[in-house]
């Protein structure tokens, strides 16, 4: 009798395992999205294949991106700091998290992530699927954990259905949460600016002031803000002062531990720059004019100051009229459709 009971138990266990395996192997209809890749853009980051945008994966990621339950006290979501109208940045000098806590750095905009290979001001993340972990667990931001997020969402009927549509079963896992948010972020492509219409589509022309600014930009700015993404993704020390409120700030050096990387920050893309004030890794510049004034006056010296500045007396000299022209050109990098104005 004992052997029969054991046999029945093993059969039940086997049936349960088969049922679970069948659920995991369930076939779903979840087509990959066709991304509108601009002809003048660089190739996609190969890592996109590990979280390639799909119909239901992106919809799920969009929902998670806007869900305040990703934060400890259900007060903020990713979209609280990454606002579409600001090219998925915000207006705060430094990020503001739960309970009004002030973060370490300025909120970077989210755009054209599918073509970039490094993320965050210090390049701490190279795989976009890993990026959402940082704000979720950081004390000054969402101050939560992936386990806590999953606990909040696991009994939500909407999410059960959404995860099943995206992944074939309703299990909510850390990998799926992060992968879905990455899928959504990969779709945020901005390439519909006046600059694009002039240089790619040839359906517009620069004004004389914009053309002057473009010429100046190519001569004085494009060594770092190069290509159609307007960043070479390098890390450079351009003389920013040490963070006033914490000894933790070290720029790229915070990631590598190298003294030579102290106060180096990733060169930001200038696309949609007119929408993303304030500027600088600490949001220390309220306007584009203030940024240009900073370089014109001369920057703080460091042993590892970028050679472009060190070899030119620590400054980029500009007349007031040249600054006006540069700003006029940079405004042609604005994509109204991307931020929901068209």
Protein backbone atom coordinates (compact mmCIF):
# COMPACT_ATOMS: atom_id res chain seq x y z
CA UNK A 1 0.00 0.00 0.00
CA UNK A 2 2.85 2.32 0.89
CA UNK A 3 4.48 1.72 -2.51
CA UNK A 4 1.21 2.45 -4.30
CA UNK A 5 0.84 5.77 -2.45
CA UNK A 6 4.39 6.71 -3.34
CA UNK A 7 3.72 5.80 -6.99
CA UNK A 8 0.55 7.93 -7.04
CA UNK A 9 2.45 10.83 -5.46
CA UNK A 10 5.19 10.59 -8.08
CA UNK A 11 2.63 10.49 -10.88
CA UNK A 12 0.94 13.60 -9.46
CA UNK A 13 4.28 15.36 -9.16
CA UNK A 14 5.16 14.44 -12.74
CA UNK A 15 1.80 15.69 -13.99
CA UNK A 16 2.30 18.94 -12.11
CA UNK A 17 5.76 19.40 -13.60
CA UNK A 18 4.45 18.67 -17.08
CA UNK A 19 1.65 21.20 -16.57
CA UNK A 20 4.16 23.84 -15.49
CA UNK A 21 6.42 23.05 -18.42
CA UNK A 22 3.49 23.26 -20.79
CA UNK A 23 2.58 26.66 -19.34
CA UNK A 24 6.13 27.90 -19.76
CA UNK A 25 6.23 26.61 -23.32
CA UNK A 26 2.88 28.11 -24.26
CA UNK A 27 2.95 29.61 -27.73
CA UNK A 28 1.96 33.28 -27.88
CA UNK A 29 1.35 35.80 -30.61
CA UNK A 30 3.59 38.70 -29.70
CA UNK A 31 5.17 40.15 -32.85
CA UNK A 32 8.41 42.09 -32.83
CA UNK A 33 7.89 45.76 -33.56
CA UNK A 34 9.36 47.34 -36.64
CA UNK A 35 11.50 50.19 -35.33
CA UNK A 36 11.71 53.29 -37.49
CA UNK A 37 15.49 53.45 -37.81
CA UNK A 38 16.65 56.71 -39.40
CA UNK A 39 18.94 56.28 -42.39
CA UNK A 40 21.47 58.71 -40.93
CA UNK A 41 21.70 56.94 -37.55
CA UNK A 42 24.36 54.46 -36.40
CA UNK A 43 23.58 50.72 -36.15
CA UNK A 44 21.43 49.40 -33.34
CA UNK A 45 23.22 48.30 -30.19
CA UNK A 46 23.50 44.47 -30.56
CA UNK A 47 22.27 44.04 -26.97
CA UNK A 48 18.82 45.12 -28.12
CA UNK A 49 18.30 41.52 -29.23
CA UNK A 50 18.18 40.43 -25.57
CA UNK A 51 15.12 42.63 -25.02
CA UNK A 52 13.88 43.39 -28.51
CA UNK A 53 10.67 45.45 -28.48
CA UNK A 54 7.53 43.40 -29.03
CA UNK A 55 3.91 44.44 -29.19
CA UNK A 56 2.98 43.29 -25.70
CA UNK A 57 6.42 43.67 -24.16
CA UNK A 58 6.47 47.38 -24.96
CA UNK A 59 2.90 47.87 -23.73
CA UNK A 60 3.86 46.16 -20.47
CA UNK A 61 7.04 48.22 -20.17
CA UNK A 62 5.10 51.43 -20.75
CA UNK A 63 2.68 50.48 -17.97
CA UNK A 64 5.52 49.63 -15.57
CA UNK A 65 7.35 52.85 -16.48
CA UNK A 66 4.34 54.83 -15.27
CA UNK A 67 3.50 52.70 -12.20
CA UNK A 68 4.19 54.37 -8.83
CA UNK A 69 4.30 50.96 -7.15
CA UNK A 70 7.89 50.64 -8.29
CA UNK A 71 8.74 53.07 -5.47
CA UNK A 72 8.82 52.22 -1.77
CA UNK A 73 5.90 54.43 -0.76
CA UNK A 74 3.98 54.32 -4.06
CA UNK A 75 4.64 58.02 -4.63
CA UNK A 76 6.77 58.17 -7.79
CA UNK A 77 7.23 56.26 -11.01
CA UNK A 78 9.94 56.31 -13.67
CA UNK A 79 7.79 58.86 -15.49
CA UNK A 80 7.88 61.22 -12.51
CA UNK A 81 11.46 62.15 -13.37
CA UNK A 82 11.42 61.15 -17.04
CA UNK A 83 8.69 63.40 -18.43
CA UNK A 84 7.82 63.17 -22.10
CA UNK A 85 7.43 66.94 -22.48
CA UNK A 86 11.03 67.36 -21.32
CA UNK A 87 12.35 64.67 -23.71
CA UNK A 88 12.00 62.23 -20.80
CA UNK A 89 14.05 64.39 -18.44
CA UNK A 90 12.75 66.87 -15.88
CA UNK A 91 13.20 70.47 -14.72
CA UNK A 92 15.02 69.74 -11.47
CA UNK A 93 18.76 70.40 -11.11
CA UNK A 94 19.06 66.98 -9.48
CA UNK A 95 16.61 64.10 -9.37
CA UNK A 96 13.97 64.22 -6.62
CA UNK A 97 12.99 60.87 -5.13
CA UNK A 98 10.66 59.52 -2.45
CA UNK A 99 10.03 61.84 0.49
CA UNK A 100 11.60 64.68 -1.45
CA UNK A 101 15.09 63.21 -1.24
CA UNK A 102 17.59 64.84 -3.58
CA UNK A 103 19.59 62.56 -5.84
CA UNK A 104 23.23 62.74 -6.81
CA UNK A 105 22.87 64.04 -10.37
CA UNK A 106 20.67 65.66 -12.96
CA UNK A 107 18.09 63.36 -14.56
CA UNK A 108 19.35 62.40 -18.03
CA UNK A 109 16.79 62.36 -20.86
CA UNK A 110 15.76 59.03 -22.37
CA UNK A 111 16.07 59.05 -26.14
CA UNK A 112 17.75 56.96 -28.83
CA UNK A 113 18.87 54.42 -26.24
CA UNK A 114 18.75 51.71 -28.91
CA UNK A 115 21.79 53.27 -30.58
CA UNK A 116 23.85 54.04 -27.48
CA UNK A 117 26.25 51.62 -25.82
CA UNK A 118 26.62 53.19 -22.36
CA UNK A 119 24.09 54.75 -20.02
CA UNK A 120 23.99 57.12 -17.05
CA UNK A 121 26.36 60.01 -16.43
CA UNK A 122 29.19 57.71 -15.41
CA UNK A 123 28.56 54.84 -17.83
CA UNK A 124 27.84 52.44 -14.98
CA UNK A 125 25.35 50.55 -17.17
CA UNK A 126 26.08 49.02 -20.58
CA UNK A 127 22.99 46.79 -20.84
CA UNK A 128 19.74 48.75 -20.85
CA UNK A 129 17.93 45.88 -19.07
CA UNK A 130 20.06 46.59 -16.00
CA UNK A 131 19.43 50.34 -15.92
CA UNK A 132 16.04 50.36 -14.11
CA UNK A 133 17.57 48.54 -11.14
CA UNK A 134 19.50 51.65 -10.10
CA UNK A 135 16.55 54.03 -9.56
CA UNK A 136 14.41 51.27 -8.03
CA UNK A 137 16.91 50.43 -5.28
CA UNK A 138 18.64 53.79 -4.74
CA UNK A 139 17.77 55.40 -1.39
CA UNK A 140 17.48 58.90 -2.91
CA UNK A 141 15.24 57.70 -5.74
CA UNK A 142 12.62 54.94 -5.42
CA UNK A 143 14.17 53.27 -2.35
CA UNK A 144 12.56 49.90 -3.04
CA UNK A 145 13.68 46.48 -4.27
CA UNK A 146 12.74 44.18 -7.11
CA UNK A 147 11.35 41.67 -4.61
CA UNK A 148 9.11 44.36 -3.14
CA UNK A 149 7.96 45.44 -6.61
CA UNK A 150 7.08 41.86 -7.56
CA UNK A 151 5.23 41.39 -4.26
CA UNK A 152 3.07 44.43 -5.04
CA UNK A 153 2.28 43.36 -8.60
CA UNK A 154 1.91 39.58 -8.34
CA UNK A 155 -1.81 39.56 -7.53
CA UNK A 156 -2.75 42.35 -9.93
CA UNK A 157 -5.11 40.92 -12.56
CA UNK A 158 -3.96 43.39 -15.22
CA UNK A 159 -0.33 42.43 -14.80
CA UNK A 160 -1.06 38.71 -14.77
CA UNK A 161 -2.68 39.06 -18.18
CA UNK A 162 -0.04 41.50 -19.46
CA UNK A 163 2.89 39.27 -18.51
CA UNK A 164 1.12 36.26 -20.04
CA UNK A 165 0.67 38.14 -23.32
CA UNK A 166 4.28 39.26 -23.34
CA UNK A 167 5.98 36.09 -22.10
CA UNK A 168 3.59 33.16 -22.43
CA UNK A 169 2.68 32.79 -18.76
CA UNK A 170 1.73 35.09 -15.91
CA UNK A 171 4.89 34.76 -13.81
CA UNK A 172 6.28 38.13 -12.72
CA UNK A 173 10.06 37.98 -12.40
CA UNK A 174 12.82 40.54 -12.02
CA UNK A 175 14.15 39.68 -15.45
CA UNK A 176 10.77 40.25 -17.07
CA UNK A 177 10.11 43.52 -15.24
CA UNK A 178 13.48 44.94 -16.27
CA UNK A 179 13.32 43.54 -19.79
CA UNK A 180 9.88 45.04 -20.43
CA UNK A 181 10.95 48.49 -19.27
CA UNK A 182 14.02 48.20 -21.50
CA UNK A 183 11.80 47.27 -24.45
CA UNK A 184 9.77 50.42 -23.91
CA UNK A 185 12.85 52.62 -23.62
CA UNK A 186 14.33 51.14 -26.80
CA UNK A 187 11.33 52.46 -28.75
CA UNK A 188 11.96 56.10 -27.72
CA UNK A 189 13.65 57.20 -30.94
CA UNK A 190 13.94 60.89 -31.77
CA UNK A 191 14.92 61.76 -35.33
CA UNK A 192 12.33 64.24 -36.56
CA UNK A 193 14.01 67.59 -35.94
CA UNK A 194 14.61 70.48 -38.29
CA UNK A 195 18.24 69.37 -38.42
CA UNK A 196 17.09 66.00 -39.76
CA UNK A 197 14.84 67.63 -42.33
CA UNK A 198 17.76 69.76 -43.52
CA UNK A 199 20.54 67.17 -43.57
CA UNK A 200 18.70 63.90 -44.22
CA UNK A 201 15.39 64.65 -45.92
CA UNK A 202 16.42 67.91 -47.62
CA UNK A 203 12.93 69.26 -46.99
CA UNK A 204 14.03 72.31 -44.99
CA UNK A 205 16.84 74.85 -44.87
CA UNK A 206 18.67 76.56 -42.04
CA UNK A 207 18.20 80.27 -41.49
CA UNK A 208 21.42 82.30 -41.88
CA UNK A 209 21.82 82.39 -38.08
CA UNK A 210 21.26 78.64 -37.77
CA UNK A 211 23.72 77.99 -40.59
CA UNK A 212 26.33 80.14 -38.86
CA UNK A 213 25.68 78.20 -35.66
CA UNK A 214 26.05 74.89 -37.49
CA UNK A 215 29.40 75.98 -38.92
CA UNK A 216 30.58 77.11 -35.47
CA UNK A 217 29.32 73.90 -33.91
CA UNK A 218 31.28 71.76 -36.35
CA UNK A 219 34.42 73.77 -35.58
CA UNK A 220 34.13 74.13 -31.80
CA UNK A 221 31.76 71.48 -30.44
CA UNK A 222 31.66 68.45 -32.73
CA UNK A 223 34.87 66.89 -31.40
CA UNK A 224 32.75 65.63 -28.49
CA UNK A 225 29.15 66.11 -29.64
CA UNK A 226 29.72 64.29 -32.90
CA UNK A 227 27.63 62.29 -35.33
CA UNK A 228 23.88 62.22 -35.70
CA UNK A 229 23.43 61.38 -32.02
CA UNK A 230 25.52 64.43 -31.09
CA UNK A 231 27.66 62.46 -28.65
CA UNK A 232 30.75 60.33 -29.01
CA UNK A 233 29.83 58.58 -25.72
CA UNK A 234 33.26 59.36 -24.30
CA UNK A 235 33.93 60.40 -20.70
CA UNK A 236 35.58 63.78 -20.28
CA UNK A 237 36.56 66.08 -17.46
CA UNK A 238 35.40 69.52 -18.53
CA UNK A 239 36.13 71.25 -15.25
CA UNK A 240 32.87 70.76 -13.40
CA UNK A 241 33.29 71.55 -9.70
CA UNK A 242 33.06 68.81 -7.13
CA UNK A 243 29.55 68.03 -5.97
CA UNK A 244 28.74 70.51 -3.20
CA UNK A 245 26.77 68.16 -0.96
CA UNK A 246 28.53 64.82 -0.94
CA UNK A 247 31.97 63.28 -1.14
CA UNK A 248 30.59 60.37 -3.17
CA UNK A 249 30.71 62.18 -6.50
CA UNK A 250 33.68 61.15 -8.61
CA UNK A 251 32.18 60.87 -12.09
CA UNK A 252 33.48 57.96 -14.11
CA UNK A 253 36.01 57.31 -11.36
CA UNK A 254 33.13 56.12 -9.18
CA UNK A 255 32.76 53.18 -11.58
CA UNK A 256 36.35 52.39 -12.53
CA UNK A 257 38.13 53.35 -9.33
CA UNK A 258 40.78 55.06 -11.44
CA UNK A 259 42.10 58.43 -10.30
CA UNK A 260 42.44 59.40 -13.95
CA UNK A 261 38.66 59.06 -14.33
CA UNK A 262 37.81 61.46 -11.50
CA UNK A 263 35.16 63.98 -12.54
CA UNK A 264 34.90 62.58 -16.05
CA UNK A 265 31.29 62.46 -17.23
CA UNK A 266 29.70 60.95 -20.32
CA UNK A 267 29.25 63.43 -23.15
CA UNK A 268 25.46 63.91 -23.36
CA UNK A 269 23.54 63.89 -26.60
CA UNK A 270 22.37 67.35 -27.64
CA UNK A 271 19.23 66.16 -29.39
CA UNK A 272 16.21 67.92 -27.89
CA UNK A 273 18.58 69.97 -25.74
CA UNK A 274 16.18 72.93 -25.81
CA UNK A 275 13.71 70.81 -23.79
CA UNK A 276 16.09 69.41 -21.18
CA UNK A 277 17.17 72.35 -18.99
CA UNK A 278 18.81 72.60 -16.53
CA UNK A 279 22.13 71.39 -17.89
CA UNK A 280 25.26 69.72 -16.58
CA UNK A 281 25.64 66.57 -14.52
CA UNK A 282 24.42 68.49 -11.45
CA UNK A 283 21.94 70.71 -13.30
CA UNK A 284 24.15 73.67 -12.47
CA UNK A 285 23.34 75.64 -15.64
CA UNK A 286 19.83 77.04 -16.04
CA UNK A 287 20.15 77.93 -19.73
CA UNK A 288 22.18 77.08 -22.81
CA UNK A 289 23.63 80.57 -22.63
CA UNK A 290 25.02 79.78 -19.17
CA UNK A 291 26.71 76.66 -20.55
CA UNK A 292 28.38 78.64 -23.32
CA UNK A 293 29.37 81.40 -20.88
CA UNK A 294 30.99 78.75 -18.68
CA UNK A 295 33.25 77.55 -21.49
CA UNK A 296 33.93 81.08 -22.68
CA UNK A 297 35.12 82.28 -19.24
CA UNK A 298 37.41 79.33 -18.67
CA UNK A 299 36.89 76.21 -16.59
CA UNK A 300 38.41 74.88 -13.40
CA UNK A 301 41.71 73.10 -14.02
CA UNK A 302 42.34 69.46 -13.14
CA UNK A 303 45.32 67.19 -13.85
CA UNK A 304 43.02 65.15 -16.10
CA UNK A 305 41.17 68.09 -17.67
CA UNK A 306 40.16 67.18 -21.20
CA UNK A 307 43.03 67.90 -23.63
CA UNK A 308 40.78 69.97 -25.88
CA UNK A 309 40.36 72.43 -23.01
CA UNK A 310 43.82 72.06 -21.49
CA UNK A 311 45.49 72.82 -24.82
CA UNK A 312 43.37 75.94 -25.27
CA UNK A 313 43.86 77.68 -21.96
CA UNK A 314 40.89 75.90 -20.36
CA UNK A 315 38.27 77.66 -22.45
CA UNK A 316 36.35 77.79 -25.70
CA UNK A 317 36.31 81.49 -26.61
CA UNK A 318 33.03 82.72 -28.08
CA UNK A 319 31.61 86.14 -28.87
CA UNK A 320 28.08 87.01 -27.79
CA UNK A 321 26.93 86.83 -31.40
CA UNK A 322 28.52 83.39 -31.83
CA UNK A 323 26.70 82.18 -28.73
CA UNK A 324 23.43 83.39 -30.20
CA UNK A 325 24.16 81.50 -33.41
CA UNK A 326 25.12 78.30 -31.60
CA UNK A 327 21.92 78.37 -29.56
CA UNK A 328 19.89 78.94 -32.72
CA UNK A 329 21.49 75.86 -34.25
CA UNK A 330 21.03 73.70 -31.15
CA UNK A 331 17.33 74.53 -31.20
CA UNK A 332 17.12 72.90 -34.64
CA UNK A 333 17.81 69.60 -32.83
CA UNK A 334 14.35 69.81 -31.24
CA UNK A 335 11.83 67.12 -32.17
CA UNK A 336 8.32 68.40 -31.28
CA UNK A 337 6.69 65.10 -32.22
CA UNK A 338 8.91 63.18 -29.82
CA UNK A 339 7.71 65.24 -26.85
CA UNK A 340 4.06 65.11 -27.92
CA UNK A 341 3.62 68.56 -29.47
CA UNK A 342 2.66 67.19 -32.91
